[in-house]
Amino acid sequence: MSEETIWEIKPALKAFYDGVAMSILCFVLAILLLAIARLSWVGVFLGLSLTAVGILVLGFVFLRARAYKFKLTRNSLIWEYNLFSSQRMTIPLETIINVGVSQNIAERFLKIGSIEVFTVSNSAPTVVLFGLKDAQRKAEEILSARNERINKITHA
């Protein structure tokens, strides 16, 4: 029997703004080099090389963004990563003691945030769900699901 899923999300692509900025910088430098070089073979080679690097970085950013998945069910919170290696962490809801929401300046501007999940076994966050739109609401849903789970266990 599979668990009922409350939500299943991936980080927003804008959570990887550092990689996107790096690829844009590569494209801008490539255009500048091509404009300055005026068809010099060195300028063309460097410009095309920077363009290729920008495309590769952008592709890797996209793959990395799609590699993460966060899922909340009635019984657990699941964190998954599947790119070059596969990792999965399942946290029973009844072990969660608190969740926190954090945003740096860039994340506030991009309207995304991170949820830090604390469990009874660790004083540091057990897992961080990052790049989430409406992170505060998602954190409240985690706590609500945890409370429902604890009530179900204690009244069973």
N, C-alpha and C. Protein backbone atom coordinates (compact mmCIF):
# COMPACT_ATOMS: atom_id res chain seq x y z
N MET A 1 0.85 -1.18 0.00
CA MET A 1 0.00 0.00 0.00
C MET A 1 0.89 1.25 0.00
N SER A 2 0.68 2.15 -0.93
CA SER A 2 1.50 3.35 -1.01
C SER A 2 0.91 4.45 -0.12
N GLU A 3 1.79 5.31 0.32
CA GLU A 3 1.38 6.41 1.19
C GLU A 3 0.69 7.51 0.39
N GLU A 4 -0.23 8.21 1.04
CA GLU A 4 -0.88 9.35 0.40
C GLU A 4 0.10 10.52 0.35
N THR A 5 0.29 11.07 -0.83
CA THR A 5 1.21 12.19 -1.02
C THR A 5 0.49 13.51 -0.79
N ILE A 6 1.06 14.36 0.05
CA ILE A 6 0.52 15.70 0.29
C ILE A 6 1.04 16.65 -0.78
N TRP A 7 2.35 16.64 -1.00
CA TRP A 7 2.96 17.37 -2.11
C TRP A 7 4.27 16.73 -2.51
N GLU A 8 4.63 16.96 -3.76
CA GLU A 8 5.90 16.50 -4.31
C GLU A 8 6.42 17.64 -5.18
N ILE A 9 7.60 18.16 -4.85
CA ILE A 9 8.12 19.34 -5.55
C ILE A 9 9.60 19.19 -5.86
N LYS A 10 10.04 20.00 -6.78
CA LYS A 10 11.46 20.12 -7.11
C LYS A 10 11.85 21.57 -6.84
N PRO A 11 13.14 21.82 -6.59
CA PRO A 11 13.56 23.21 -6.39
C PRO A 11 13.31 24.02 -7.66
N ALA A 12 13.01 25.29 -7.49
CA ALA A 12 12.84 26.18 -8.64
C ALA A 12 14.18 26.34 -9.35
N LEU A 13 14.14 26.45 -10.66
CA LEU A 13 15.37 26.62 -11.44
C LEU A 13 16.13 27.86 -11.00
N LYS A 14 15.40 28.89 -10.56
CA LYS A 14 16.07 30.12 -10.12
C LYS A 14 16.85 29.93 -8.83
N ALA A 15 16.70 28.78 -8.15
CA ALA A 15 17.51 28.50 -6.97
C ALA A 15 18.97 28.29 -7.33
N PHE A 16 19.23 28.03 -8.60
CA PHE A 16 20.59 27.80 -9.08
C PHE A 16 21.09 29.04 -9.81
N TYR A 17 20.76 30.21 -9.25
CA TYR A 17 21.09 31.49 -9.88
C TYR A 17 22.59 31.68 -10.08
N ASP A 18 23.41 31.07 -9.24
CA ASP A 18 24.86 31.23 -9.40
C ASP A 18 25.36 30.60 -10.70
N GLY A 19 24.86 29.43 -11.04
CA GLY A 19 25.24 28.78 -12.29
C GLY A 19 24.70 29.50 -13.50
N VAL A 20 23.47 30.01 -13.39
CA VAL A 20 22.87 30.76 -14.49
C VAL A 20 23.67 32.05 -14.72
N ALA A 21 24.05 32.72 -13.64
CA ALA A 21 24.85 33.95 -13.77
C ALA A 21 26.20 33.65 -14.41
N MET A 22 26.80 32.53 -14.06
CA MET A 22 28.09 32.16 -14.64
C MET A 22 27.97 31.90 -16.14
N SER A 23 26.90 31.24 -16.57
CA SER A 23 26.73 30.98 -18.00
C SER A 23 26.44 32.28 -18.76
N ILE A 24 25.67 33.18 -18.16
CA ILE A 24 25.41 34.48 -18.80
C ILE A 24 26.71 35.26 -18.94
N LEU A 25 27.56 35.22 -17.92
CA LEU A 25 28.86 35.88 -17.99
C LEU A 25 29.70 35.30 -19.13
N CYS A 26 29.68 33.99 -19.29
CA CYS A 26 30.41 33.36 -20.40
C CYS A 26 29.90 33.86 -21.75
N PHE A 27 28.58 33.95 -21.90
CA PHE A 27 28.00 34.43 -23.16
C PHE A 27 28.39 35.88 -23.43
N VAL A 28 28.32 36.72 -22.41
CA VAL A 28 28.68 38.14 -22.57
C VAL A 28 30.15 38.28 -22.95
N LEU A 29 31.02 37.56 -22.26
CA LEU A 29 32.45 37.61 -22.59
C LEU A 29 32.71 37.09 -24.00
N ALA A 30 31.99 36.07 -24.42
CA ALA A 30 32.15 35.54 -25.77
C ALA A 30 31.77 36.59 -26.81
N ILE A 31 30.66 37.28 -26.57
CA ILE A 31 30.22 38.33 -27.51
C ILE A 31 31.24 39.45 -27.56
N LEU A 32 31.75 39.86 -26.39
CA LEU A 32 32.77 40.92 -26.36
C LEU A 32 34.04 40.49 -27.09
N LEU A 33 34.48 39.27 -26.86
CA LEU A 33 35.69 38.78 -27.54
C LEU A 33 35.50 38.74 -29.05
N LEU A 34 34.34 38.28 -29.48
CA LEU A 34 34.08 38.21 -30.92
C LEU A 34 34.02 39.60 -31.53
N ALA A 35 33.47 40.56 -30.78
CA ALA A 35 33.38 41.93 -31.29
C ALA A 35 34.76 42.59 -31.35
N ILE A 36 35.57 42.36 -30.33
CA ILE A 36 36.90 42.97 -30.28
C ILE A 36 37.86 42.32 -31.26
N ALA A 37 37.78 41.02 -31.40
CA ALA A 37 38.74 40.27 -32.22
C ALA A 37 38.61 40.56 -33.70
N ARG A 38 37.44 40.95 -34.15
CA ARG A 38 37.19 41.26 -35.57
C ARG A 38 37.71 40.15 -36.48
N LEU A 39 37.24 38.96 -36.21
CA LEU A 39 37.54 37.77 -37.00
C LEU A 39 38.97 37.27 -36.88
N SER A 40 39.70 37.69 -35.88
CA SER A 40 41.00 37.09 -35.60
C SER A 40 40.74 35.66 -35.14
N TRP A 41 41.54 34.71 -35.59
CA TRP A 41 41.27 33.32 -35.26
C TRP A 41 41.35 33.06 -33.76
N VAL A 42 42.21 33.77 -33.03
CA VAL A 42 42.31 33.61 -31.58
C VAL A 42 41.03 34.09 -30.91
N GLY A 43 40.54 35.26 -31.32
CA GLY A 43 39.31 35.81 -30.75
C GLY A 43 38.11 34.92 -31.03
N VAL A 44 38.03 34.43 -32.27
CA VAL A 44 36.92 33.54 -32.63
C VAL A 44 36.99 32.25 -31.82
N PHE A 45 38.19 31.68 -31.70
CA PHE A 45 38.36 30.45 -30.94
C PHE A 45 37.97 30.64 -29.48
N LEU A 46 38.45 31.73 -28.86
CA LEU A 46 38.12 31.99 -27.46
C LEU A 46 36.63 32.29 -27.29
N GLY A 47 36.06 33.04 -28.22
CA GLY A 47 34.64 33.36 -28.15
C GLY A 47 33.78 32.12 -28.25
N LEU A 48 34.11 31.24 -29.19
CA LEU A 48 33.35 29.99 -29.34
C LEU A 48 33.57 29.07 -28.14
N SER A 49 34.78 29.07 -27.60
CA SER A 49 35.06 28.25 -26.41
C SER A 49 34.23 28.72 -25.22
N LEU A 50 34.17 30.04 -25.03
CA LEU A 50 33.36 30.57 -23.92
C LEU A 50 31.88 30.29 -24.12
N THR A 51 31.43 30.34 -25.36
CA THR A 51 30.03 30.01 -25.65
C THR A 51 29.76 28.55 -25.30
N ALA A 52 30.67 27.66 -25.67
CA ALA A 52 30.51 26.24 -25.34
C ALA A 52 30.49 26.02 -23.83
N VAL A 53 31.37 26.71 -23.11
CA VAL A 53 31.40 26.59 -21.65
C VAL A 53 30.08 27.09 -21.07
N GLY A 54 29.57 28.20 -21.57
CA GLY A 54 28.29 28.73 -21.10
C GLY A 54 27.16 27.75 -21.31
N ILE A 55 27.13 27.10 -22.47
CA ILE A 55 26.09 26.11 -22.77
C ILE A 55 26.22 24.91 -21.84
N LEU A 56 27.45 24.44 -21.62
CA LEU A 56 27.66 23.30 -20.72
C LEU A 56 27.25 23.62 -19.29
N VAL A 57 27.61 24.80 -18.81
CA VAL A 57 27.24 25.21 -17.45
C VAL A 57 25.72 25.29 -17.33
N LEU A 58 25.07 25.89 -18.30
CA LEU A 58 23.61 26.02 -18.27
C LEU A 58 22.94 24.64 -18.29
N GLY A 59 23.47 23.74 -19.10
CA GLY A 59 22.94 22.37 -19.15
C GLY A 59 23.10 21.65 -17.82
N PHE A 60 24.27 21.80 -17.21
CA PHE A 60 24.51 21.16 -15.92
C PHE A 60 23.60 21.74 -14.84
N VAL A 61 23.39 23.05 -14.87
CA VAL A 61 22.48 23.69 -13.91
C VAL A 61 21.08 23.10 -14.06
N PHE A 62 20.62 22.96 -15.29
CA PHE A 62 19.28 22.40 -15.52
C PHE A 62 19.19 20.96 -15.02
N LEU A 63 20.21 20.14 -15.33
CA LEU A 63 20.20 18.75 -14.87
C LEU A 63 20.22 18.67 -13.34
N ARG A 64 21.04 19.51 -12.73
CA ARG A 64 21.14 19.52 -11.27
C ARG A 64 19.82 19.93 -10.63
N ALA A 65 19.16 20.90 -11.23
CA ALA A 65 17.87 21.36 -10.68
C ALA A 65 16.83 20.25 -10.76
N ARG A 66 16.86 19.45 -11.79
CA ARG A 66 15.89 18.37 -11.96
C ARG A 66 16.26 17.13 -11.13
N ALA A 67 17.48 17.10 -10.60
CA ALA A 67 17.95 15.92 -9.86
C ALA A 67 17.36 15.82 -8.46
N TYR A 68 16.91 16.94 -7.91
CA TYR A 68 16.38 16.95 -6.54
C TYR A 68 14.87 16.81 -6.56
N LYS A 69 14.35 16.10 -5.55
CA LYS A 69 12.90 15.97 -5.39
C LYS A 69 12.60 15.90 -3.89
N PHE A 70 11.60 16.65 -3.48
CA PHE A 70 11.17 16.67 -2.09
C PHE A 70 9.70 16.25 -2.04
N LYS A 71 9.39 15.33 -1.12
CA LYS A 71 8.03 14.78 -1.08
C LYS A 71 7.56 14.69 0.37
N LEU A 72 6.34 15.17 0.60
CA LEU A 72 5.71 15.07 1.91
C LEU A 72 4.53 14.13 1.79
N THR A 73 4.53 13.08 2.63
CA THR A 73 3.40 12.15 2.67
C THR A 73 2.77 12.22 4.05
N ARG A 74 1.74 11.44 4.28
CA ARG A 74 1.08 11.42 5.59
C ARG A 74 1.97 10.83 6.69
N ASN A 75 3.01 10.08 6.28
CA ASN A 75 3.87 9.42 7.27
C ASN A 75 5.31 9.92 7.30
N SER A 76 5.79 10.52 6.20
CA SER A 76 7.21 10.86 6.14
C SER A 76 7.49 12.04 5.21
N LEU A 77 8.71 12.55 5.38
CA LEU A 77 9.25 13.58 4.49
C LEU A 77 10.41 12.91 3.76
N ILE A 78 10.41 13.00 2.44
CA ILE A 78 11.41 12.30 1.62
C ILE A 78 12.22 13.31 0.82
N TRP A 79 13.54 13.18 0.90
CA TRP A 79 14.50 14.01 0.15
C TRP A 79 15.22 13.07 -0.79
N GLU A 80 15.23 13.40 -2.10
CA GLU A 80 15.89 12.54 -3.09
C GLU A 80 16.82 13.35 -3.97
N TYR A 81 17.91 12.71 -4.38
CA TYR A 81 18.86 13.28 -5.33
C TYR A 81 19.26 12.18 -6.29
N ASN A 82 19.05 12.40 -7.59
CA ASN A 82 19.38 11.41 -8.61
C ASN A 82 20.04 12.09 -9.79
N LEU A 83 21.36 12.19 -9.78
CA LEU A 83 22.08 12.70 -10.94
C LEU A 83 23.16 11.69 -11.30
N PHE A 84 24.34 11.84 -10.75
CA PHE A 84 25.40 10.86 -10.98
C PHE A 84 25.33 9.73 -9.96
N SER A 85 24.84 10.06 -8.78
CA SER A 85 24.61 9.06 -7.74
C SER A 85 23.16 9.20 -7.30
N SER A 86 22.69 8.20 -6.59
CA SER A 86 21.31 8.22 -6.13
C SER A 86 21.30 8.22 -4.60
N GLN A 87 20.62 9.20 -4.03
CA GLN A 87 20.51 9.28 -2.58
C GLN A 87 19.04 9.51 -2.22
N ARG A 88 18.62 8.89 -1.14
CA ARG A 88 17.25 9.07 -0.67
C ARG A 88 17.26 9.06 0.85
N MET A 89 16.64 10.05 1.44
CA MET A 89 16.53 10.13 2.89
C MET A 89 15.04 10.22 3.23
N THR A 90 14.59 9.28 4.04
CA THR A 90 13.20 9.26 4.49
C THR A 90 13.18 9.58 5.98
N ILE A 91 12.45 10.62 6.33
CA ILE A 91 12.36 11.06 7.72
C ILE A 91 10.93 10.83 8.21
N PRO A 92 10.74 9.93 9.17
CA PRO A 92 9.39 9.75 9.72
C PRO A 92 8.92 11.07 10.36
N LEU A 93 7.68 11.45 10.09
CA LEU A 93 7.18 12.73 10.57
C LEU A 93 7.23 12.86 12.09
N GLU A 94 7.02 11.76 12.80
CA GLU A 94 6.99 11.84 14.26
C GLU A 94 8.36 12.15 14.87
N THR A 95 9.45 12.04 14.07
CA THR A 95 10.79 12.38 14.58
C THR A 95 11.15 13.85 14.37
N ILE A 96 10.33 14.57 13.63
CA ILE A 96 10.60 15.99 13.37
C ILE A 96 10.20 16.81 14.60
N ILE A 97 11.17 17.61 15.11
CA ILE A 97 10.84 18.45 16.27
C ILE A 97 10.59 19.89 15.87
N ASN A 98 11.19 20.33 14.76
CA ASN A 98 10.97 21.71 14.33
C ASN A 98 11.41 21.88 12.88
N VAL A 99 10.88 22.91 12.26
CA VAL A 99 11.33 23.30 10.92
C VAL A 99 11.57 24.81 10.94
N GLY A 100 12.54 25.25 10.18
CA GLY A 100 12.83 26.67 10.07
C GLY A 100 12.89 27.07 8.61
N VAL A 101 12.54 28.31 8.34
CA VAL A 101 12.59 28.84 6.98
C VAL A 101 13.67 29.90 6.92
N SER A 102 14.52 29.83 5.90
CA SER A 102 15.58 30.83 5.75
C SER A 102 15.65 31.31 4.30
N GLN A 103 16.10 32.56 4.16
CA GLN A 103 16.29 33.18 2.84
C GLN A 103 17.49 34.11 2.93
N ASN A 104 18.40 34.01 1.95
CA ASN A 104 19.44 35.03 1.86
C ASN A 104 18.90 36.17 0.99
N ILE A 105 19.71 37.18 0.76
CA ILE A 105 19.23 38.35 0.01
C ILE A 105 18.79 37.98 -1.40
N ALA A 106 19.59 37.17 -2.08
CA ALA A 106 19.24 36.77 -3.45
C ALA A 106 17.94 35.96 -3.45
N GLU A 107 17.77 35.07 -2.48
CA GLU A 107 16.55 34.26 -2.41
C GLU A 107 15.33 35.12 -2.12
N ARG A 108 15.49 36.16 -1.32
CA ARG A 108 14.36 37.07 -1.06
C ARG A 108 13.95 37.78 -2.34
N PHE A 109 14.94 38.23 -3.10
CA PHE A 109 14.68 38.90 -4.37
C PHE A 109 13.99 37.95 -5.35
N LEU A 110 14.41 36.68 -5.37
CA LEU A 110 13.86 35.68 -6.29
C LEU A 110 12.58 35.03 -5.76
N LYS A 111 12.18 35.38 -4.52
CA LYS A 111 10.97 34.85 -3.89
C LYS A 111 11.00 33.32 -3.74
N ILE A 112 12.15 32.83 -3.27
CA ILE A 112 12.29 31.42 -2.94
C ILE A 112 12.91 31.34 -1.55
N GLY A 113 12.88 30.16 -0.95
CA GLY A 113 13.46 29.99 0.37
C GLY A 113 13.84 28.55 0.62
N SER A 114 14.42 28.32 1.79
CA SER A 114 14.84 26.98 2.20
C SER A 114 14.15 26.60 3.50
N ILE A 115 13.86 25.32 3.62
CA ILE A 115 13.28 24.80 4.86
C ILE A 115 14.32 23.89 5.51
N GLU A 116 14.67 24.20 6.75
CA GLU A 116 15.60 23.37 7.52
C GLU A 116 14.77 22.49 8.44
N VAL A 117 14.97 21.19 8.34
CA VAL A 117 14.20 20.23 9.12
C VAL A 117 15.07 19.67 10.24
N PHE A 118 14.61 19.82 11.48
CA PHE A 118 15.34 19.34 12.65
C PHE A 118 14.62 18.12 13.22
N THR A 119 15.38 17.08 13.53
CA THR A 119 14.79 15.87 14.11
C THR A 119 15.34 15.65 15.51
N VAL A 120 14.75 14.68 16.21
CA VAL A 120 15.17 14.39 17.58
C VAL A 120 16.59 13.87 17.65
N SER A 121 17.12 13.33 16.58
CA SER A 121 18.44 12.70 16.62
C SER A 121 19.59 13.66 16.36
N ASN A 122 19.31 14.93 16.04
CA ASN A 122 20.38 15.81 15.63
C ASN A 122 20.04 17.26 15.98
N SER A 123 21.05 18.01 16.46
CA SER A 123 20.81 19.43 16.74
C SER A 123 20.97 20.29 15.49
N ALA A 124 21.74 19.80 14.53
CA ALA A 124 21.87 20.49 13.24
C ALA A 124 20.71 20.05 12.35
N PRO A 125 20.39 20.83 11.31
CA PRO A 125 19.31 20.39 10.42
C PRO A 125 19.62 19.01 9.84
N THR A 126 18.65 18.12 9.89
CA THR A 126 18.81 16.79 9.31
C THR A 126 18.81 16.88 7.80
N VAL A 127 17.96 17.74 7.27
CA VAL A 127 17.86 17.92 5.82
C VAL A 127 17.42 19.35 5.54
N VAL A 128 17.84 19.87 4.39
CA VAL A 128 17.43 21.21 3.96
C VAL A 128 16.75 21.08 2.60
N LEU A 129 15.51 21.54 2.54
CA LEU A 129 14.76 21.59 1.28
C LEU A 129 14.95 23.00 0.74
N PHE A 130 15.63 23.15 -0.36
CA PHE A 130 16.02 24.48 -0.84
C PHE A 130 15.32 24.83 -2.15
N GLY A 131 15.35 26.13 -2.45
CA GLY A 131 14.81 26.61 -3.72
C GLY A 131 13.31 26.49 -3.85
N LEU A 132 12.60 26.64 -2.74
CA LEU A 132 11.15 26.44 -2.75
C LEU A 132 10.40 27.75 -2.86
N LYS A 133 9.41 27.76 -3.74
CA LYS A 133 8.47 28.87 -3.78
C LYS A 133 7.52 28.67 -2.61
N ASP A 134 7.15 29.74 -1.94
CA ASP A 134 6.23 29.70 -0.80
C ASP A 134 6.72 28.74 0.29
N ALA A 135 7.98 28.91 0.68
CA ALA A 135 8.62 28.02 1.66
C ALA A 135 7.92 28.05 3.01
N GLN A 136 7.43 29.22 3.42
CA GLN A 136 6.76 29.33 4.73
C GLN A 136 5.52 28.44 4.78
N ARG A 137 4.72 28.47 3.73
CA ARG A 137 3.51 27.64 3.69
C ARG A 137 3.87 26.15 3.69
N LYS A 138 4.91 25.78 2.95
CA LYS A 138 5.35 24.38 2.91
C LYS A 138 5.83 23.93 4.30
N ALA A 139 6.54 24.80 5.01
CA ALA A 139 7.01 24.47 6.36
C ALA A 139 5.82 24.25 7.30
N GLU A 140 4.80 25.09 7.18
CA GLU A 140 3.60 24.93 8.00
C GLU A 140 2.89 23.62 7.67
N GLU A 141 2.89 23.23 6.40
CA GLU A 141 2.28 21.96 6.00
C GLU A 141 3.05 20.77 6.57
N ILE A 142 4.37 20.88 6.65
CA ILE A 142 5.18 19.81 7.26
C ILE A 142 4.81 19.66 8.73
N LEU A 143 4.74 20.79 9.45
CA LEU A 143 4.38 20.74 10.88
C LEU A 143 2.96 20.23 11.09
N SER A 144 2.05 20.63 10.23
CA SER A 144 0.67 20.16 10.33
C SER A 144 0.59 18.65 10.10
N ALA A 145 1.29 18.16 9.08
CA ALA A 145 1.30 16.72 8.81
C ALA A 145 1.95 15.96 9.97
N ARG A 146 3.00 16.55 10.57
CA ARG A 146 3.65 15.93 11.73
C ARG A 146 2.68 15.83 12.89
N ASN A 147 1.94 16.92 13.16
CA ASN A 147 0.98 16.91 14.26
C ASN A 147 -0.12 15.88 14.03
N GLU A 148 -0.62 15.78 12.81
CA GLU A 148 -1.63 14.77 12.48
C GLU A 148 -1.08 13.36 12.70
N ARG A 149 0.16 13.14 12.30
CA ARG A 149 0.79 11.82 12.45
C ARG A 149 0.95 11.46 13.93
N ILE A 150 1.39 12.42 14.73
CA ILE A 150 1.57 12.16 16.17
C ILE A 150 0.22 11.88 16.82
N ASN A 151 -0.81 12.65 16.46
CA ASN A 151 -2.16 12.40 17.00
C ASN A 151 -2.67 11.02 16.60
N LYS A 152 -2.40 10.62 15.38
CA LYS A 152 -2.84 9.30 14.90
C LYS A 152 -2.15 8.19 15.68
N ILE A 153 -0.85 8.37 15.95
CA ILE A 153 -0.09 7.35 16.68
C ILE A 153 -0.55 7.26 18.13
N THR A 154 -0.74 8.41 18.78
CA THR A 154 -1.10 8.41 20.21
C THR A 154 -2.54 7.98 20.45
N HIS A 155 -3.42 8.15 19.47
CA HIS A 155 -4.82 7.77 19.64
C HIS A 155 -5.16 6.44 18.99
N ALA A 156 -4.16 5.73 18.55
CA ALA A 156 -4.41 4.43 17.90
C ALA A 156 -4.51 3.33 18.92
